Structure formats: structure tokens, C-alpha cells
Amino acid sequence: MTNVQSVTKNDFESQVLESSLPVVIDFWADSCAPCHRVSPILEDLAGDYAGRVRVTKVNVDEEVELAARYAIRSMPTFLFLRDGKVVDQVSGARPRSDFEGRFEKLLAASD
């Protein structure tokens, strides 16, 4: 069972914008090789931070409106949200340590 939840425009508001937890969104595409390289890292972190950070994925090929809403130009792009507002953003494949630092920063700002 995965700790990363796929979201669509139909449940984006309830799962992301109204979340009581900080949220990380992975904007990805099936044809994106770096997206597939980063996916296992996010899966691991989603498990490590379960109950503290919600990790979600948005397939940009299927959710064009959401990608446009956040001006996603490259993949993967990761948004870090608190209280429904973007507080950090990064594009491209990153090492686990970079994501860990961003997760910790997101949590520290939530306290």
C-alpha cells in the first residue's frame, strides 16, 4: 500500500487545499524519466512522514487544468503547501537529502 495519494481536480480542494497537514505535490508525467527516478524517494519519505505531511501526485497529462493553475513548466515539479498556500517549490530530480530538508522546513514552519 502506498502512502502517496494521486489527486485530481475533483478531489484537489479537499485533499490538498483543505488539508490539516502540510502537503507536498509531485507534478509528474508518465513519459518523464526523472519523475520515475524520484518516485521511490517520495514513497519512502511519505512513509517516514506519515501523519505529519501528506504527499500527493498530480499527473500533468491527465490534469492539465491543475498544471496550468500552478504554472507547471517542467517535470517533475514539487510544490510544498501549508494551509493551502505554496511556501516552497522546486523542479527537477533531487537527492533524498534535499527532500528531507524541505520536509523538515515545511514541518518547522507549521509548528
Protein backbone atom coordinates (compact mmCIF):
# COMPACT_ATOMS: atom_id res chain seq x y z
CA MET A 1 0.00 0.00 0.00
CA THR A 2 1.29 3.40 -0.94
CA ASN A 3 1.50 6.46 1.26
CA VAL A 4 1.43 8.74 -1.79
CA GLN A 5 -2.04 9.71 -2.96
CA SER A 6 -2.92 10.60 -6.55
CA VAL A 7 -5.21 13.61 -6.71
CA THR A 8 -7.36 15.02 -9.49
CA LYS A 9 -9.19 18.28 -9.99
CA ASN A 10 -12.22 16.56 -8.42
CA ASP A 11 -10.61 15.97 -5.02
CA PHE A 12 -7.78 18.54 -5.11
CA GLU A 13 -9.55 21.05 -2.89
CA SER A 14 -10.44 18.56 -0.16
CA GLN A 15 -7.18 16.57 -0.28
CA VAL A 16 -4.72 19.43 -0.78
CA LEU A 17 -6.09 22.90 -0.17
CA GLU A 18 -8.19 21.97 2.88
CA SER A 19 -5.68 19.51 4.36
CA SER A 20 -4.95 19.92 8.05
CA LEU A 21 -1.43 18.62 7.30
CA PRO A 22 1.25 20.30 5.19
CA VAL A 23 1.13 18.90 1.65
CA VAL A 24 3.78 18.04 -0.93
CA ILE A 25 2.56 17.80 -4.53
CA ASP A 26 4.59 15.93 -7.13
CA PHE A 27 3.60 17.14 -10.61
CA TRP A 28 4.75 14.33 -12.88
CA ALA A 29 4.18 12.62 -16.24
CA ASP A 30 4.47 9.00 -17.27
CA SER A 31 6.93 9.91 -20.04
CA CYS A 32 9.24 11.75 -17.58
CA ALA A 33 12.30 9.63 -16.67
CA PRO A 34 13.40 11.90 -13.78
CA CYS A 35 9.87 11.60 -12.35
CA HIS A 36 10.27 7.83 -12.15
CA ARG A 37 13.71 8.16 -10.51
CA VAL A 38 12.34 10.41 -7.76
CA SER A 39 9.16 8.41 -7.14
CA PRO A 40 10.75 5.80 -4.80
CA ILE A 41 12.29 8.60 -2.73
CA LEU A 42 8.89 10.24 -2.27
CA GLU A 43 7.31 6.89 -1.43
CA ASP A 44 9.89 6.35 1.34
CA LEU A 45 9.51 9.88 2.69
CA ALA A 46 5.72 9.62 2.60
CA GLY A 47 6.04 6.60 4.89
CA ASP A 48 8.60 8.29 7.14
CA TYR A 49 6.44 11.42 7.48
CA ALA A 50 3.03 9.69 7.55
CA GLY A 51 0.62 11.56 9.80
CA ARG A 52 2.77 14.70 9.63
CA VAL A 53 2.99 15.52 5.90
CA ARG A 54 0.61 14.45 3.12
CA VAL A 55 2.39 13.50 -0.11
CA THR A 56 0.35 13.69 -3.31
CA LYS A 57 0.89 13.24 -7.04
CA VAL A 58 -0.72 15.03 -9.96
CA ASN A 59 -0.33 13.55 -13.44
CA VAL A 60 0.05 16.62 -15.66
CA ASP A 61 -1.07 14.75 -18.78
CA GLU A 62 -4.40 13.93 -17.14
CA GLU A 63 -4.79 17.08 -15.01
CA VAL A 64 -3.93 19.86 -17.43
CA GLU A 65 -6.03 22.41 -15.51
CA LEU A 66 -4.13 21.83 -12.26
CA ALA A 67 -0.79 22.05 -14.03
CA ALA A 68 -1.86 25.33 -15.65
CA ARG A 69 -3.19 26.68 -12.36
CA TYR A 70 0.27 26.34 -10.80
CA ALA A 71 2.17 27.26 -13.99
CA ILE A 72 3.99 23.93 -14.13
CA ARG A 73 6.53 24.18 -16.95
CA SER A 74 8.89 21.27 -16.27
CA MET A 75 8.69 17.90 -14.63
CA PRO A 76 8.99 16.83 -12.05
CA THR A 77 7.95 19.94 -10.14
CA PHE A 78 7.26 19.77 -6.42
CA LEU A 79 5.11 22.23 -4.52
CA PHE A 80 5.15 22.43 -0.73
CA LEU A 81 1.92 23.82 0.73
CA ARG A 82 0.84 24.88 4.18
CA ASP A 83 -2.73 25.98 4.83
CA GLY A 84 -3.43 25.71 1.10
CA LYS A 85 -0.66 28.13 0.14
CA VAL A 86 2.56 27.35 -1.70
CA VAL A 87 5.53 28.02 0.59
CA ASP A 88 8.26 26.28 -1.42
CA GLN A 89 8.76 24.97 -4.94
CA VAL A 90 11.49 23.03 -6.72
CA SER A 91 11.81 21.41 -10.14
CA GLY A 92 13.90 18.50 -11.33
CA ALA A 93 15.14 15.30 -9.75
CA ARG A 94 16.68 15.89 -6.33
CA PRO A 95 18.53 13.67 -3.86
CA ARG A 96 16.72 12.36 -0.82
CA SER A 97 18.63 14.74 1.45
CA ASP A 98 17.21 17.76 -0.43
CA PHE A 99 13.66 16.48 0.04
CA GLU A 100 14.27 15.67 3.70
CA GLY A 101 15.45 19.22 4.31
CA ARG A 102 12.37 20.63 2.57
CA PHE A 103 10.03 18.32 4.52
CA GLU A 104 11.66 19.40 7.80
CA LYS A 105 11.43 23.07 6.83
CA LEU A 106 7.75 22.59 5.97
CA LEU A 107 7.11 20.98 9.36
CA ALA A 108 9.12 23.58 11.29
CA ALA A 109 7.09 26.36 9.75
CA SER A 110 3.89 24.56 10.76
CA ASP A 111 4.68 24.47 14.47
